[in-house]
Amino acid sequence: MIAIIDYGMGNLRSVEKALEFVGQEAVVTDDIAVMRSADKLVLPGVGAFGDAIATIREKGIDDVIYDAVAKDKPFLGICLGMQLIFDKSYEYGEYKGLGLIRGEIRLLPDNVKKPHIGWNDLNIKKRSPLFMNLGERPYVYFVHSYYLETEDISAVSATTDYGKEIQVAVQKDNIFALQFHPEKSGDVGLEILKNFGGL
């Protein structure tokens, strides 16, 4: 069973429906016990980093995530959920993230429209298990104003071009994260979620 973590931010039902569509048992939950019993965790989210990380810590969800990662359970962060797994964000201040992978979340460059909304192609850097059967430059759907900068290049599984090359997907051991929305990315996104469910 896949637990989709409900911490009050984002359209969680669309992630749930997409996972169910590809044959996965998924549940949206804010129950710590359910999260702990799940085989896999998904941390989605849309909104402000500072509010999100404060709620996650207040509810003890951070401990659940750390435990799951330590036990090698597959973990997937989506959009804001991706950003939260890194060291810090500079969105409306400076906030400490979960620190699962080294990196910082910064505002997109001045020379591009913000937010970055719409379809863009992925430059796949390594064949993460999530990217099996996708082809060379699959198109996916983005909605974000902040992006990842990490020096841990070995963790970067895909980039896209938006004003400059930006890092939009990572994988490190059992941790997976996507800046784009697989649940809004048509057949490509469904294949990614199916691949995650099959881990």
C-alpha atoms as a PDB file:
ATOM      1  CA  MET A   1       0.000   0.000   0.000  1.00  0.00           C
ATOM      2  CA  ILE A   2       1.175   3.501  -0.898  1.00  0.00           C
ATOM      3  CA  ALA A   3       0.489   6.238   1.665  1.00  0.00           C
ATOM      4  CA  ILE A   4       0.050   9.717   0.184  1.00  0.00           C
ATOM      5  CA  ILE A   5       0.965  12.066   3.013  1.00  0.00           C
ATOM      6  CA  ASP A   6      -1.730  14.651   3.771  1.00  0.00           C
ATOM      7  CA  TYR A   7      -0.245  17.654   5.543  1.00  0.00           C
ATOM      8  CA  GLY A   8      -2.885  20.067   4.288  1.00  0.00           C
ATOM      9  CA  MET A   9      -1.226  21.286   1.091  1.00  0.00           C
ATOM     10  CA  GLY A  10      -1.897  20.305  -2.503  1.00  0.00           C
ATOM     11  CA  ASN A  11      -4.327  18.359  -4.650  1.00  0.00           C
ATOM     12  CA  LEU A  12      -3.744  14.952  -3.140  1.00  0.00           C
ATOM     13  CA  ARG A  13      -6.742  13.221  -4.711  1.00  0.00           C
ATOM     14  CA  SER A  14      -5.339  13.576  -8.219  1.00  0.00           C
ATOM     15  CA  VAL A  15      -2.205  11.704  -7.134  1.00  0.00           C
ATOM     16  CA  GLU A  16      -4.345   9.035  -5.483  1.00  0.00           C
ATOM     17  CA  LYS A  17      -6.531   8.614  -8.571  1.00  0.00           C
ATOM     18  CA  ALA A  18      -3.512   8.399 -10.890  1.00  0.00           C
ATOM     19  CA  LEU A  19      -1.904   5.691  -8.748  1.00  0.00           C
ATOM     20  CA  GLU A  20      -5.171   3.746  -8.598  1.00  0.00           C
ATOM     21  CA  PHE A  21      -5.516   4.073 -12.382  1.00  0.00           C
ATOM     22  CA  VAL A  22      -2.207   2.237 -12.851  1.00  0.00           C
ATOM     23  CA  GLY A  23      -3.287  -0.517 -10.476  1.00  0.00           C
ATOM     24  CA  GLN A  24      -1.761   0.593  -7.190  1.00  0.00           C
ATOM     25  CA  GLU A  25      -3.429   0.548  -3.801  1.00  0.00           C
ATOM     26  CA  ALA A  26      -3.096   4.114  -2.529  1.00  0.00           C
ATOM     27  CA  VAL A  27      -4.586   6.093   0.340  1.00  0.00           C
ATOM     28  CA  VAL A  28      -4.457   9.777   1.259  1.00  0.00           C
ATOM     29  CA  THR A  29      -3.791   9.946   4.993  1.00  0.00           C
ATOM     30  CA  ASP A  30      -2.732  12.189   7.860  1.00  0.00           C
ATOM     31  CA  ASP A  31      -2.613   9.194  10.220  1.00  0.00           C
ATOM     32  CA  ILE A  32       0.941   8.528  11.420  1.00  0.00           C
ATOM     33  CA  ALA A  33       0.191   4.838  12.054  1.00  0.00           C
ATOM     34  CA  VAL A  34      -1.047   4.361   8.481  1.00  0.00           C
ATOM     35  CA  MET A  35       2.045   6.110   7.114  1.00  0.00           C
ATOM     36  CA  ARG A  36       4.312   3.873   9.182  1.00  0.00           C
ATOM     37  CA  SER A  37       2.564   0.704   7.992  1.00  0.00           C
ATOM     38  CA  ALA A  38       2.709   1.642   4.307  1.00  0.00           C
ATOM     39  CA  ASP A  39       5.067  -0.073   1.860  1.00  0.00           C
ATOM     40  CA  LYS A  40       5.834   3.210   0.081  1.00  0.00           C
ATOM     41  CA  LEU A  41       5.369   6.910   0.799  1.00  0.00           C
ATOM     42  CA  VAL A  42       4.489   9.823  -1.476  1.00  0.00           C
ATOM     43  CA  LEU A  43       5.002  13.419  -0.313  1.00  0.00           C
ATOM     44  CA  PRO A  44       3.127  15.703  -2.733  1.00  0.00           C
ATOM     45  CA  GLY A  45       2.298  19.359  -2.233  1.00  0.00           C
ATOM     46  CA  VAL A  46       1.661  22.781  -3.683  1.00  0.00           C
ATOM     47  CA  GLY A  47       2.264  25.955  -1.709  1.00  0.00           C
ATOM     48  CA  ALA A  48       4.857  27.676   0.448  1.00  0.00           C
ATOM     49  CA  PHE A  49       7.917  25.810   1.708  1.00  0.00           C
ATOM     50  CA  GLY A  50       7.960  27.499   5.121  1.00  0.00           C
ATOM     51  CA  ASP A  51       4.367  26.607   5.986  1.00  0.00           C
ATOM     52  CA  ALA A  52       4.805  23.070   4.693  1.00  0.00           C
ATOM     53  CA  ILE A  53       7.953  22.198   6.646  1.00  0.00           C
ATOM     54  CA  ALA A  54       6.508  23.722   9.825  1.00  0.00           C
ATOM     55  CA  THR A  55       3.381  21.553   9.549  1.00  0.00           C
ATOM     56  CA  ILE A  56       5.405  18.427   8.754  1.00  0.00           C
ATOM     57  CA  ARG A  57       7.525  18.914  11.867  1.00  0.00           C
ATOM     58  CA  GLU A  58       4.558  19.856  14.049  1.00  0.00           C
ATOM     59  CA  LYS A  59       2.698  16.669  13.104  1.00  0.00           C
ATOM     60  CA  GLY A  60       5.744  14.399  13.429  1.00  0.00           C
ATOM     61  CA  ILE A  61       5.657  13.493   9.756  1.00  0.00           C
ATOM     62  CA  ASP A  62       9.381  14.217   9.459  1.00  0.00           C
ATOM     63  CA  ASP A  63      10.134  11.300  11.798  1.00  0.00           C
ATOM     64  CA  VAL A  64       7.940   9.001   9.684  1.00  0.00           C
ATOM     65  CA  ILE A  65       9.839  10.018   6.549  1.00  0.00           C
ATOM     66  CA  TYR A  66      13.260   9.539   8.162  1.00  0.00           C
ATOM     67  CA  ASP A  67      12.230   6.089   9.434  1.00  0.00           C
ATOM     68  CA  ALA A  68      10.844   5.021   6.055  1.00  0.00           C
ATOM     69  CA  VAL A  69      13.993   6.121   4.233  1.00  0.00           C
ATOM     70  CA  ALA A  70      16.201   4.345   6.796  1.00  0.00           C
ATOM     71  CA  LYS A  71      14.186   1.159   6.258  1.00  0.00           C
ATOM     72  CA  ASP A  72      14.691   1.391   2.463  1.00  0.00           C
ATOM     73  CA  LYS A  73      11.025   1.994   1.703  1.00  0.00           C
ATOM     74  CA  PRO A  74      10.546   3.709  -1.663  1.00  0.00           C
ATOM     75  CA  PHE A  75       9.832   7.408  -1.101  1.00  0.00           C
ATOM     76  CA  LEU A  76       8.609   9.872  -3.749  1.00  0.00           C
ATOM     77  CA  GLY A  77       8.476  13.659  -3.397  1.00  0.00           C
ATOM     78  CA  ILE A  78       6.410  15.603  -5.956  1.00  0.00           C
ATOM     79  CA  CYS A  79       6.666  19.367  -6.668  1.00  0.00           C
ATOM     80  CA  LEU A  80       6.835  21.045  -3.225  1.00  0.00           C
ATOM     81  CA  GLY A  81       7.325  17.555  -1.841  1.00  0.00           C
ATOM     82  CA  MET A  82      10.534  17.340  -3.877  1.00  0.00           C
ATOM     83  CA  GLN A  83      11.806  20.676  -2.591  1.00  0.00           C
ATOM     84  CA  LEU A  84      11.177  19.737   1.038  1.00  0.00           C
ATOM     85  CA  ILE A  85      13.673  16.849   0.973  1.00  0.00           C
ATOM     86  CA  PHE A  86      16.666  19.167   0.477  1.00  0.00           C
ATOM     87  CA  ASP A  87      18.732  21.193   2.960  1.00  0.00           C
ATOM     88  CA  LYS A  88      17.097  24.596   2.677  1.00  0.00           C
ATOM     89  CA  SER A  89      14.823  26.881   0.697  1.00  0.00           C
ATOM     90  CA  TYR A  90      14.990  30.619   0.069  1.00  0.00           C
ATOM     91  CA  GLU A  91      11.265  30.991  -0.637  1.00  0.00           C
ATOM     92  CA  TYR A  92      10.107  34.123   1.258  1.00  0.00           C
ATOM     93  CA  GLY A  93      12.961  33.789   3.731  1.00  0.00           C
ATOM     94  CA  GLU A  94      15.312  30.963   4.609  1.00  0.00           C
ATOM     95  CA  TYR A  95      13.961  27.642   5.843  1.00  0.00           C
ATOM     96  CA  LYS A  96      15.621  24.385   6.770  1.00  0.00           C
ATOM     97  CA  GLY A  97      14.339  21.348   4.878  1.00  0.00           C
ATOM     98  CA  LEU A  98      14.455  17.640   5.657  1.00  0.00           C
ATOM     99  CA  GLY A  99      18.065  17.315   4.493  1.00  0.00           C
ATOM    100  CA  LEU A 100      17.649  13.894   2.886  1.00  0.00           C
ATOM    101  CA  ILE A 101      19.786  15.013  -0.072  1.00  0.00           C
ATOM    102  CA  ARG A 102      22.158  17.978  -0.222  1.00  0.00           C
ATOM    103  CA  GLY A 103      20.825  20.968  -2.124  1.00  0.00           C
ATOM    104  CA  GLU A 104      19.051  24.325  -1.988  1.00  0.00           C
ATOM    105  CA  ILE A 105      15.772  25.634  -3.412  1.00  0.00           C
ATOM    106  CA  ARG A 106      16.077  28.993  -5.176  1.00  0.00           C
ATOM    107  CA  LEU A 107      13.889  31.372  -7.196  1.00  0.00           C
ATOM    108  CA  LEU A 108      13.910  30.778 -10.950  1.00  0.00           C
ATOM    109  CA  PRO A 109      16.158  33.155 -12.943  1.00  0.00           C
ATOM    110  CA  ASP A 110      15.095  36.762 -13.631  1.00  0.00           C
ATOM    111  CA  ASN A 111      15.008  36.185 -17.384  1.00  0.00           C
ATOM    112  CA  VAL A 112      12.085  33.709 -17.288  1.00  0.00           C
ATOM    113  CA  LYS A 113       8.382  33.999 -16.561  1.00  0.00           C
ATOM    114  CA  LYS A 114       7.377  32.876 -13.088  1.00  0.00           C
ATOM    115  CA  PRO A 115       5.775  30.578 -12.313  1.00  0.00           C
ATOM    116  CA  HIS A 116       6.991  28.058 -14.885  1.00  0.00           C
ATOM    117  CA  ILE A 117       3.643  26.620 -15.985  1.00  0.00           C
ATOM    118  CA  GLY A 118       3.144  24.093 -18.751  1.00  0.00           C
ATOM    119  CA  TRP A 119       4.764  21.286 -20.652  1.00  0.00           C
ATOM    120  CA  ASN A 120       8.505  20.884 -21.012  1.00  0.00           C
ATOM    121  CA  ASP A 121      10.721  18.013 -22.040  1.00  0.00           C
ATOM    122  CA  LEU A 122      13.063  16.084 -19.784  1.00  0.00           C
ATOM    123  CA  ASN A 123      16.738  15.639 -20.470  1.00  0.00           C
ATOM    124  CA  ILE A 124      17.236  12.284 -18.768  1.00  0.00           C
ATOM    125  CA  LYS A 125      20.646  12.127 -17.101  1.00  0.00           C
ATOM    126  CA  LYS A 126      20.408   8.628 -15.697  1.00  0.00           C
ATOM    127  CA  ARG A 127      17.947   5.816 -16.132  1.00  0.00           C
ATOM    128  CA  SER A 128      16.268   6.004 -12.772  1.00  0.00           C
ATOM    129  CA  PRO A 129      13.798   3.130 -12.292  1.00  0.00           C
ATOM    130  CA  LEU A 130      11.024   5.735 -12.588  1.00  0.00           C
ATOM    131  CA  PHE A 131      12.078   6.561 -16.145  1.00  0.00           C
ATOM    132  CA  MET A 132      11.913   3.082 -17.631  1.00  0.00           C
ATOM    133  CA  ASN A 133       9.985   2.866 -20.938  1.00  0.00           C
ATOM    134  CA  LEU A 134       9.738   6.638 -21.402  1.00  0.00           C
ATOM    135  CA  GLY A 135      11.839   7.306 -24.502  1.00  0.00           C
ATOM    136  CA  GLU A 136      14.553   9.901 -24.856  1.00  0.00           C
ATOM    137  CA  ARG A 137      12.900  13.294 -24.166  1.00  0.00           C
ATOM    138  CA  PRO A 138       9.478  12.762 -22.580  1.00  0.00           C
ATOM    139  CA  TYR A 139       7.192  15.755 -22.003  1.00  0.00           C
ATOM    140  CA  VAL A 140       5.861  16.471 -18.504  1.00  0.00           C
ATOM    141  CA  TYR A 141       3.816  19.188 -16.803  1.00  0.00           C
ATOM    142  CA  PHE A 142       5.324  21.828 -14.499  1.00  0.00           C
ATOM    143  CA  VAL A 143       3.942  24.444 -12.093  1.00  0.00           C
ATOM    144  CA  HIS A 144       6.661  26.084  -9.970  1.00  0.00           C
ATOM    145  CA  SER A 145       8.578  29.304  -9.266  1.00  0.00           C
ATOM    146  CA  TYR A 146      11.447  27.763  -7.296  1.00  0.00           C
ATOM    147  CA  TYR A 147      13.925  25.139  -8.387  1.00  0.00           C
ATOM    148  CA  LEU A 148      16.667  22.875  -7.098  1.00  0.00           C
ATOM    149  CA  GLU A 149      20.390  23.559  -7.112  1.00  0.00           C
ATOM    150  CA  THR A 150      22.444  20.597  -5.890  1.00  0.00           C
ATOM    151  CA  GLU A 151      26.122  19.847  -6.192  1.00  0.00           C
ATOM    152  CA  ASP A 152      25.290  16.155  -5.723  1.00  0.00           C
ATOM    153  CA  ILE A 153      25.223  15.637  -9.482  1.00  0.00           C
ATOM    154  CA  SER A 154      25.158  11.863  -9.094  1.00  0.00           C
ATOM    155  CA  ALA A 155      21.642  12.201  -7.629  1.00  0.00           C
ATOM    156  CA  VAL A 156      20.235  14.206 -10.568  1.00  0.00           C
ATOM    157  CA  SER A 157      18.204  11.947 -12.838  1.00  0.00           C
ATOM    158  CA  ALA A 158      16.740  14.614 -15.169  1.00  0.00           C
ATOM    159  CA  THR A 159      16.948  18.284 -16.079  1.00  0.00           C
ATOM    160  CA  THR A 160      14.916  20.608 -18.271  1.00  0.00           C
ATOM    161  CA  ASP A 161      15.685  23.887 -20.037  1.00  0.00           C
ATOM    162  CA  TYR A 162      13.904  26.968 -18.710  1.00  0.00           C
ATOM    163  CA  GLY A 163      16.092  30.030 -19.063  1.00  0.00           C
ATOM    164  CA  LYS A 164      18.935  27.695 -18.200  1.00  0.00           C
ATOM    165  CA  GLU A 165      19.336  24.016 -17.465  1.00  0.00           C
ATOM    166  CA  ILE A 166      17.560  23.275 -14.189  1.00  0.00           C
ATOM    167  CA  GLN A 167      17.539  20.103 -12.118  1.00  0.00           C
ATOM    168  CA  VAL A 168      14.020  18.650 -11.996  1.00  0.00           C
ATOM    169  CA  ALA A 169      14.342  15.014 -10.890  1.00  0.00           C
ATOM    170  CA  VAL A 170      16.563  13.185  -8.450  1.00  0.00           C
ATOM    171  CA  GLN A 171      17.155   9.690  -7.206  1.00  0.00           C
ATOM    172  CA  LYS A 172      19.396   8.597  -4.362  1.00  0.00           C
ATOM    173  CA  ASP A 173      18.995   5.010  -3.195  1.00  0.00           C
ATOM    174  CA  ASN A 174      15.289   4.618  -2.303  1.00  0.00           C
ATOM    175  CA  ILE A 175      14.577   8.385  -2.466  1.00  0.00           C
ATOM    176  CA  PHE A 176      12.942   9.695  -5.634  1.00  0.00           C
ATOM    177  CA  ALA A 177      11.759  13.238  -6.297  1.00  0.00           C
ATOM    178  CA  LEU A 178      10.165  15.104  -9.200  1.00  0.00           C
ATOM    179  CA  GLN A 179       9.695  18.870  -9.618  1.00  0.00           C
ATOM    180  CA  PHE A 180       6.996  18.251 -12.247  1.00  0.00           C
ATOM    181  CA  HIS A 181       3.560  16.714 -11.673  1.00  0.00           C
ATOM    182  CA  PRO A 182       3.371  13.115 -12.921  1.00  0.00           C
ATOM    183  CA  GLU A 183      -0.336  13.012 -12.076  1.00  0.00           C
ATOM    184  CA  LYS A 184      -0.900  15.825 -14.619  1.00  0.00           C
ATOM    185  CA  SER A 185       1.568  14.560 -17.242  1.00  0.00           C
ATOM    186  CA  GLY A 186      -0.640  12.224 -19.272  1.00  0.00           C
ATOM    187  CA  ASP A 187       0.640   8.806 -20.296  1.00  0.00           C
ATOM    188  CA  VAL A 188       4.242   9.693 -19.413  1.00  0.00           C
ATOM    189  CA  GLY A 189       3.270  10.597 -15.860  1.00  0.00           C
ATOM    190  CA  LEU A 190       1.165   7.481 -15.466  1.00  0.00           C
ATOM    191  CA  GLU A 191       4.116   5.355 -16.590  1.00  0.00           C
ATOM    192  CA  ILE A 192       6.324   7.058 -13.992  1.00  0.00           C
ATOM    193  CA  LEU A 193       3.790   6.369 -11.231  1.00  0.00           C
ATOM    194  CA  LYS A 194       3.386   2.787 -12.446  1.00  0.00           C
ATOM    195  CA  ASN A 195       7.170   2.374 -12.267  1.00  0.00           C
ATOM    196  CA  PHE A 196       7.182   3.753  -8.718  1.00  0.00           C
ATOM    197  CA  GLY A 197       4.403   1.369  -7.710  1.00  0.00           C
ATOM    198  CA  GLY A 198       6.403  -1.533  -9.070  1.00  0.00           C
ATOM    199  CA  LEU A 199       9.493  -0.844  -6.969  1.00  0.00           C
END
